[in-house]
């Protein structure tokens, strides 16, 4: 069985994929809980991950992917991970990263501070060393930076994967999963100033069971329009099907369209098409604070939630908000099990926290 775990982190992201054959892949790390605040209901991500790895008798993750450098995707990473570029980040209790995945923006972006700057140093170090990293971009987008560091595209091409390609070394047969890269597109790193949301990582992951997951980071509706139009142009519509959708940008309306709407956001045509690609019994995951009743400026937006609710109903599926699972008062890890019959089964906690049962959706056709 494979499992996906989404953590209650407020308006921040982290998803752990644990594969049946043993690999563990973490997408984003943002540990923003205040340990001095007893009312902070967010989970202690560092403690949770340490416990998971100790149970598996290991001190490393096979892959850590940072979809982009915003604080709600990287907060606390330099306190938790063993980083190879500087001794100050190499104490024995730190968790090691076998392979780091980053968008090209994390290599190329200038004028950045805090965690993003530290992770940029780590990514640059690994790319210069030529191991332990995968960069997502058109290789030519990195040509200037590589040349400045005495390297060539050909010497590092094996570490760079472009949109429209499968990630090397991951296959359904060997690993139990494959990753099709949807973004970033080269234009998001070729046009001067970098917009991290436009240049973030986006994948369709397909498990050996046939179950498909869309990991969407903070993609805007403009990025989704590019993804849909390019996928259609190349006959890759099947790469946008999904059993599980990680809803982008903490349920912001800007991932659906330019206008929030009074009670419900209306998605632009390509995003509407994308949402229709969900399968029967699909699961939609919103990594955000509880959905508000008013018109807050920051996400989550109730209007966007109401739009996604329509598609949940269309697919006879489930939709959960991480800071509301299983209750707003006591949010906990949101776990999805994927077994040999495919589909996505939500693990439900009952009574004592250690007891977990599963509810299986009806088998779907096709």
Protein backbone atom coordinates (compact mmCIF):
# COMPACT_ATOMS: atom_id res chain seq x y z
CA UNK A 1 0.00 0.00 0.00
CA UNK A 2 1.12 3.57 -0.75
CA UNK A 3 0.17 6.46 1.52
CA UNK A 4 -0.09 10.21 1.16
CA UNK A 5 -0.01 12.41 4.24
CA UNK A 6 -1.04 16.05 4.25
CA UNK A 7 -0.24 17.96 7.44
CA UNK A 8 -2.35 20.63 9.21
CA UNK A 9 -0.02 23.61 8.84
CA UNK A 10 -2.44 26.50 8.33
CA UNK A 11 -1.82 28.26 5.04
CA UNK A 12 1.35 26.26 4.40
CA UNK A 13 2.22 23.08 2.51
CA UNK A 14 3.83 19.73 3.14
CA UNK A 15 2.91 16.35 1.66
CA UNK A 16 4.70 13.06 2.33
CA UNK A 17 4.40 10.23 -0.20
CA UNK A 18 5.39 6.84 1.22
CA UNK A 19 5.69 4.14 -1.40
CA UNK A 20 5.06 0.46 -0.80
CA UNK A 21 8.59 -0.38 -1.93
CA UNK A 22 10.05 1.91 0.70
CA UNK A 23 10.85 5.27 -0.88
CA UNK A 24 9.71 8.39 0.98
CA UNK A 25 9.24 11.67 -0.89
CA UNK A 26 8.43 14.99 0.75
CA UNK A 27 6.90 17.85 -1.21
CA UNK A 28 7.55 21.15 0.60
CA UNK A 29 8.36 21.74 4.25
CA UNK A 30 6.87 24.63 6.21
CA UNK A 31 6.99 24.16 9.98
CA UNK A 32 5.33 27.35 11.23
CA UNK A 33 3.80 26.15 14.51
CA UNK A 34 4.63 28.34 17.51
CA UNK A 35 5.69 25.97 20.33
CA UNK A 36 5.12 28.75 22.89
CA UNK A 37 1.48 29.18 21.88
CA UNK A 38 -0.78 26.49 23.37
CA UNK A 39 -3.65 27.69 21.18
CA UNK A 40 -1.68 27.05 17.95
CA UNK A 41 -3.43 24.03 16.41
CA UNK A 42 -0.89 23.53 13.66
CA UNK A 43 1.13 20.33 13.81
CA UNK A 44 4.82 20.18 14.73
CA UNK A 45 6.02 19.05 11.32
CA UNK A 46 9.59 18.35 12.43
CA UNK A 47 8.43 16.04 15.21
CA UNK A 48 5.98 14.23 12.94
CA UNK A 49 8.57 13.58 10.25
CA UNK A 50 11.19 12.46 12.76
CA UNK A 51 8.73 9.99 14.24
CA UNK A 52 7.88 8.64 10.80
CA UNK A 53 11.54 8.19 9.86
CA UNK A 54 12.49 6.66 13.21
CA UNK A 55 9.72 4.09 12.76
CA UNK A 56 11.29 3.22 9.40
CA UNK A 57 14.77 3.11 11.01
CA UNK A 58 16.21 5.79 8.75
CA UNK A 59 17.44 9.40 8.97
CA UNK A 60 16.90 10.48 5.38
CA UNK A 61 14.25 11.16 2.75
CA UNK A 62 14.73 9.81 -0.76
CA UNK A 63 13.44 13.04 -2.30
CA UNK A 64 12.69 16.47 -0.90
CA UNK A 65 11.02 18.73 -3.46
CA UNK A 66 10.61 22.43 -2.84
CA UNK A 67 8.00 23.60 -5.31
CA UNK A 68 9.14 27.22 -4.90
CA UNK A 69 10.87 29.45 -2.38
CA UNK A 70 7.96 31.20 -0.65
CA UNK A 71 7.98 31.04 3.13
CA UNK A 72 4.81 28.94 3.31
CA UNK A 73 6.65 26.17 1.46
CA UNK A 74 10.15 26.35 3.02
CA UNK A 75 9.78 27.74 6.56
CA UNK A 76 12.14 26.07 9.02
CA UNK A 77 13.87 23.92 6.41
CA UNK A 78 17.34 25.12 7.39
CA UNK A 79 16.70 24.06 11.00
CA UNK A 80 15.57 20.56 10.04
CA UNK A 81 17.57 19.30 7.07
CA UNK A 82 21.22 18.31 6.73
CA UNK A 83 22.55 20.71 4.10
CA UNK A 84 25.75 19.89 2.30
CA UNK A 85 26.93 23.39 1.43
CA UNK A 86 27.86 24.54 4.97
CA UNK A 87 28.95 22.82 8.20
CA UNK A 88 26.56 24.89 10.33
CA UNK A 89 23.69 22.83 8.87
CA UNK A 90 25.29 19.42 9.42
CA UNK A 91 24.63 18.40 13.04
CA UNK A 92 23.93 14.71 13.57
CA UNK A 93 20.20 14.89 14.31
CA UNK A 94 19.39 16.60 11.01
CA UNK A 95 17.47 14.73 8.32
CA UNK A 96 19.40 14.04 5.13
CA UNK A 97 18.14 14.56 1.59
CA UNK A 98 19.16 11.93 -0.94
CA UNK A 99 17.89 13.97 -3.89
CA UNK A 100 16.75 17.59 -3.86
CA UNK A 101 14.17 18.70 -6.44
CA UNK A 102 13.84 22.42 -7.24
CA UNK A 103 12.57 24.64 -10.03
CA UNK A 104 15.20 26.54 -11.99
CA UNK A 105 13.98 29.70 -10.23
CA UNK A 106 15.56 28.43 -7.01
CA UNK A 107 18.92 28.39 -8.79
CA UNK A 108 18.56 31.64 -10.73
CA UNK A 109 16.63 34.02 -8.48
CA UNK A 110 18.61 36.95 -7.07
CA UNK A 111 17.95 39.35 -4.21
CA UNK A 112 16.36 36.78 -1.91
CA UNK A 113 16.67 36.31 1.85
CA UNK A 114 16.06 33.89 4.72
CA UNK A 115 15.19 30.26 3.98
CA UNK A 116 14.97 30.78 0.22
CA UNK A 117 18.54 32.11 0.16
CA UNK A 118 19.83 29.15 2.19
CA UNK A 119 18.06 26.62 -0.03
CA UNK A 120 19.34 28.41 -3.12
CA UNK A 121 22.88 27.96 -1.78
CA UNK A 122 22.21 24.25 -1.21
CA UNK A 123 20.72 23.77 -4.68
CA UNK A 124 23.59 25.64 -6.34
CA UNK A 125 26.14 23.62 -4.38
CA UNK A 126 24.61 20.31 -5.42
CA UNK A 127 24.31 21.35 -9.06
CA UNK A 128 27.97 22.42 -9.12
CA UNK A 129 28.94 19.12 -7.49
CA UNK A 130 26.82 17.28 -10.05
CA UNK A 131 24.92 14.97 -7.70
CA UNK A 132 21.97 14.77 -5.34
CA UNK A 133 19.79 17.22 -7.22
CA UNK A 134 17.22 17.50 -10.00
CA UNK A 135 16.38 20.89 -11.50
CA UNK A 136 13.18 21.42 -13.45
CA UNK A 137 13.52 23.67 -16.47
CA UNK A 138 14.50 23.81 -20.09
CA UNK A 139 18.27 23.13 -19.89
CA UNK A 140 19.11 26.23 -21.92
CA UNK A 141 17.51 28.44 -19.25
CA UNK A 142 20.45 27.54 -17.00
CA UNK A 143 23.14 28.03 -19.63
CA UNK A 144 24.33 31.43 -18.42
CA UNK A 145 24.51 30.43 -14.77
CA UNK A 146 26.32 27.18 -15.60
CA UNK A 147 28.86 29.04 -17.73
CA UNK A 148 29.50 31.52 -14.91
CA UNK A 149 30.35 28.57 -12.70
CA UNK A 150 32.67 26.87 -15.19
CA UNK A 151 30.10 24.29 -16.30
CA UNK A 152 28.30 23.41 -19.52
CA UNK A 153 24.77 22.35 -20.29
CA UNK A 154 26.00 18.98 -21.52
CA UNK A 155 27.83 18.31 -18.24
CA UNK A 156 24.63 18.85 -16.22
CA UNK A 157 21.90 17.94 -18.70
CA UNK A 158 21.30 14.60 -16.90
CA UNK A 159 20.25 16.57 -13.79
CA UNK A 160 17.71 18.79 -15.57
CA UNK A 161 14.16 17.77 -16.52
CA UNK A 162 11.88 19.90 -18.66
CA UNK A 163 8.10 20.21 -18.64
CA UNK A 164 6.48 17.47 -20.71
CA UNK A 165 8.98 14.82 -19.58
CA UNK A 166 8.96 12.00 -17.04
CA UNK A 167 11.29 12.29 -14.06
CA UNK A 168 14.18 9.84 -14.54
CA UNK A 169 14.70 6.96 -12.11
CA UNK A 170 11.03 6.80 -11.17
CA UNK A 171 8.78 4.29 -12.89
CA UNK A 172 5.62 2.46 -11.90
CA UNK A 173 7.41 -0.87 -12.28
CA UNK A 174 10.57 -0.07 -10.32
CA UNK A 175 9.47 2.51 -7.75
CA UNK A 176 5.68 2.18 -7.79
CA UNK A 177 5.22 5.71 -9.13
CA UNK A 178 6.06 7.94 -12.08
CA UNK A 179 6.08 11.72 -12.29
CA UNK A 180 5.05 13.66 -15.39
CA UNK A 181 6.30 17.24 -15.23
CA UNK A 182 3.76 19.96 -16.05
CA UNK A 183 5.66 23.04 -14.90
CA UNK A 184 7.64 25.24 -14.75
CA UNK A 185 7.77 26.33 -18.37
CA UNK A 186 10.99 27.82 -19.65
CA UNK A 187 9.38 31.21 -20.27
CA UNK A 188 8.89 31.64 -16.53
CA UNK A 189 12.66 31.74 -16.07
CA UNK A 190 13.59 33.39 -19.38
CA UNK A 191 11.77 36.71 -19.06
CA UNK A 192 13.71 38.64 -16.43
CA UNK A 193 12.14 38.95 -12.99
CA UNK A 194 10.92 35.62 -11.63
CA UNK A 195 7.40 35.14 -10.29
CA UNK A 196 7.69 32.16 -7.95
CA UNK A 197 4.04 31.13 -8.30
CA UNK A 198 4.38 31.07 -12.09
CA UNK A 199 7.69 29.20 -11.88
CA UNK A 200 6.69 26.59 -9.28
CA UNK A 201 6.82 22.82 -9.71
CA UNK A 202 3.73 20.97 -10.89
CA UNK A 203 3.40 17.21 -11.43
CA UNK A 204 0.97 14.46 -12.24
CA UNK A 205 2.04 11.43 -10.21
CA UNK A 206 0.73 8.06 -11.39
CA UNK A 207 0.99 5.11 -9.01
CA UNK A 208 1.37 1.51 -10.14
CA UNK A 209 -2.28 1.03 -9.09
CA UNK A 210 -3.35 3.52 -11.76
CA UNK A 211 -4.26 6.15 -9.17
CA UNK A 212 -3.35 9.66 -10.33
CA UNK A 213 -2.40 12.64 -8.17
CA UNK A 214 -2.10 16.25 -9.29
CA UNK A 215 0.33 18.24 -7.14
CA UNK A 216 -0.24 21.85 -7.97
CA UNK A 217 1.80 24.07 -5.60
CA UNK A 218 0.62 27.69 -5.98
CA UNK A 219 -0.22 27.68 -9.69
CA UNK A 220 -2.35 30.60 -10.87
CA UNK A 221 -5.13 30.25 -13.41
CA UNK A 222 -2.78 31.64 -16.08
CA UNK A 223 -0.33 28.81 -15.41
CA UNK A 224 -3.13 26.24 -15.52
CA UNK A 225 -4.29 27.68 -18.83
CA UNK A 226 -0.77 27.18 -20.21
CA UNK A 227 -0.62 23.63 -18.84
CA UNK A 228 -3.98 22.67 -20.32
CA UNK A 229 -3.38 24.23 -23.74
CA UNK A 230 0.12 22.72 -24.07
CA UNK A 231 -1.07 19.30 -22.87
CA UNK A 232 -3.85 19.31 -25.44
CA UNK A 233 -1.50 20.46 -28.19
CA UNK A 234 0.81 17.50 -27.48
CA UNK A 235 -1.97 14.95 -27.02
CA UNK A 236 -1.25 14.64 -23.30
CA UNK A 237 -4.78 15.20 -21.98
CA UNK A 238 -4.55 11.96 -19.96
CA UNK A 239 -1.74 13.56 -17.98
CA UNK A 240 -4.31 15.89 -16.44
CA UNK A 241 -6.67 13.21 -15.14
CA UNK A 242 -6.82 12.92 -11.37
CA UNK A 243 -8.09 10.79 -8.51
CA UNK A 244 -6.52 13.17 -5.99
CA UNK A 245 -6.17 16.92 -6.46
CA UNK A 246 -4.05 19.04 -4.14
CA UNK A 247 -5.93 22.28 -4.65
CA UNK A 248 -3.49 25.11 -5.42
CA UNK A 249 -2.54 28.12 -3.35
CA UNK A 250 -4.53 27.38 -0.21
CA UNK A 251 -7.87 27.67 -2.03
CA UNK A 252 -7.19 31.08 -3.56
CA UNK A 253 -9.67 32.24 -6.21
CA UNK A 254 -6.68 33.31 -8.34
CA UNK A 255 -6.03 29.66 -9.19
CA UNK A 256 -9.48 29.53 -10.79
CA UNK A 257 -9.89 32.87 -12.52
CA UNK A 258 -9.34 36.63 -12.31
CA UNK A 259 -12.57 37.44 -10.43
CA UNK A 260 -13.42 36.20 -6.95
CA UNK A 261 -17.18 36.38 -7.47
CA UNK A 262 -19.80 37.30 -4.90
CA UNK A 263 -20.65 33.80 -3.67
CA UNK A 264 -18.72 31.51 -6.03
CA UNK A 265 -15.67 31.88 -8.27
CA UNK A 266 -16.32 31.01 -11.91
CA UNK A 267 -13.26 29.21 -13.35
CA UNK A 268 -11.85 30.20 -16.70
CA UNK A 269 -12.58 27.71 -19.46
CA UNK A 270 -9.32 25.74 -19.34
CA UNK A 271 -9.42 25.43 -15.54
CA UNK A 272 -13.06 24.32 -15.79
CA UNK A 273 -11.95 21.61 -18.23
CA UNK A 274 -9.15 20.57 -15.86
CA UNK A 275 -11.51 20.24 -12.89
CA UNK A 276 -13.82 18.09 -15.01
CA UNK A 277 -10.98 15.55 -15.46
CA UNK A 278 -11.45 14.23 -11.93
CA UNK A 279 -12.60 10.62 -11.68
CA UNK A 280 -15.54 9.21 -9.77
CA UNK A 281 -14.80 9.06 -6.05
CA UNK A 282 -12.00 11.64 -6.37
CA UNK A 283 -10.49 13.34 -3.33
CA UNK A 284 -9.81 17.09 -3.24
CA UNK A 285 -7.36 18.32 -0.58
CA UNK A 286 -7.22 21.95 0.54
CA UNK A 287 -4.06 22.79 2.49
CA UNK A 288 -5.27 25.88 4.32
CA UNK A 289 -6.75 27.49 7.38
CA UNK A 290 -10.46 26.82 7.96
CA UNK A 291 -12.73 28.18 5.23
CA UNK A 292 -14.05 31.61 6.31
CA UNK A 293 -17.64 32.78 6.13
CA UNK A 294 -16.69 36.30 5.10
CA UNK A 295 -14.70 37.98 2.35
CA UNK A 296 -11.14 37.79 3.65
CA UNK A 297 -8.47 39.23 1.38
CA UNK A 298 -6.04 36.34 1.87
CA UNK A 299 -6.89 32.73 1.03
CA UNK A 300 -8.67 30.52 1.65
CA UNK A 301 -11.58 32.16 -0.16
CA UNK A 302 -15.09 30.85 0.45
CA UNK A 303 -15.97 31.67 -3.15
CA UNK A 304 -13.21 29.37 -4.42
CA UNK A 305 -14.28 26.66 -1.96
CA UNK A 306 -17.84 26.86 -3.29
CA UNK A 307 -16.52 26.38 -6.83
CA UNK A 308 -14.51 23.30 -5.87
CA UNK A 309 -17.53 21.93 -4.02
CA UNK A 310 -19.40 21.79 -7.33
CA UNK A 311 -16.70 19.56 -8.81
CA UNK A 312 -16.52 17.39 -5.70
CA UNK A 313 -20.24 16.77 -6.15
CA UNK A 314 -19.81 16.17 -9.90
CA UNK A 315 -17.29 13.40 -9.18
CA UNK A 316 -19.19 12.01 -6.19
CA UNK A 317 -16.01 12.59 -4.24
CA UNK A 318 -14.66 13.95 -0.98
CA UNK A 319 -13.11 17.32 -0.14
CA UNK A 320 -11.19 18.08 3.03
CA UNK A 321 -9.44 21.14 4.50
CA UNK A 322 -6.29 20.23 6.42
CA UNK A 323 -7.00 22.58 9.34
CA UNK A 324 -10.54 21.18 9.60
CA UNK A 325 -9.63 17.46 9.55
CA UNK A 326 -11.06 15.65 11.42
CA UNK A 327 -12.28 18.75 13.35
CA UNK A 328 -11.34 22.43 13.52
CA UNK A 329 -10.71 22.04 17.24
CA UNK A 330 -8.24 19.16 16.85
CA UNK A 331 -6.83 19.00 13.32
CA UNK A 332 -4.61 16.03 12.58
CA UNK A 333 -2.74 14.45 9.68
CA UNK A 334 -4.92 13.79 6.65
CA UNK A 335 -3.94 10.37 5.28
CA UNK A 336 -4.93 8.79 1.98
CA UNK A 337 -4.24 5.10 1.39
CA UNK A 338 -3.74 3.74 -2.12
CA UNK A 339 -3.92 -0.04 -2.47
CA UNK A 340 -3.82 -2.55 -5.29
CA UNK A 341 -7.38 -1.91 -6.52
CA UNK A 342 -6.59 1.76 -7.14
CA UNK A 343 -8.64 4.77 -6.20
CA UNK A 344 -8.05 6.78 -3.06
CA UNK A 345 -9.20 5.73 0.40
CA UNK A 346 -9.32 8.29 3.18
CA UNK A 347 -8.07 6.99 6.53
CA UNK A 348 -10.45 8.03 9.33
CA UNK A 349 -9.54 8.36 12.99
CA UNK A 350 -12.09 7.21 15.54
CA UNK A 351 -12.19 7.53 19.35
CA UNK A 352 -8.60 6.88 20.53
CA UNK A 353 -6.09 8.69 18.27
CA UNK A 354 -4.09 5.52 17.59
CA UNK A 355 -7.04 3.69 16.04
CA UNK A 356 -7.41 4.05 12.29
CA UNK A 357 -10.07 2.53 10.06
CA UNK A 358 -10.52 2.92 6.34
CA UNK A 359 -13.60 3.48 4.26
CA UNK A 360 -13.35 2.17 0.73
CA UNK A 361 -15.10 3.96 -2.13
CA UNK A 362 -17.10 1.94 -4.57
CA UNK A 363 -14.95 0.54 -7.42
CA UNK A 364 -15.05 2.86 -10.38
CA UNK A 365 -15.45 1.84 -13.97
CA UNK A 366 -12.67 2.24 -16.46
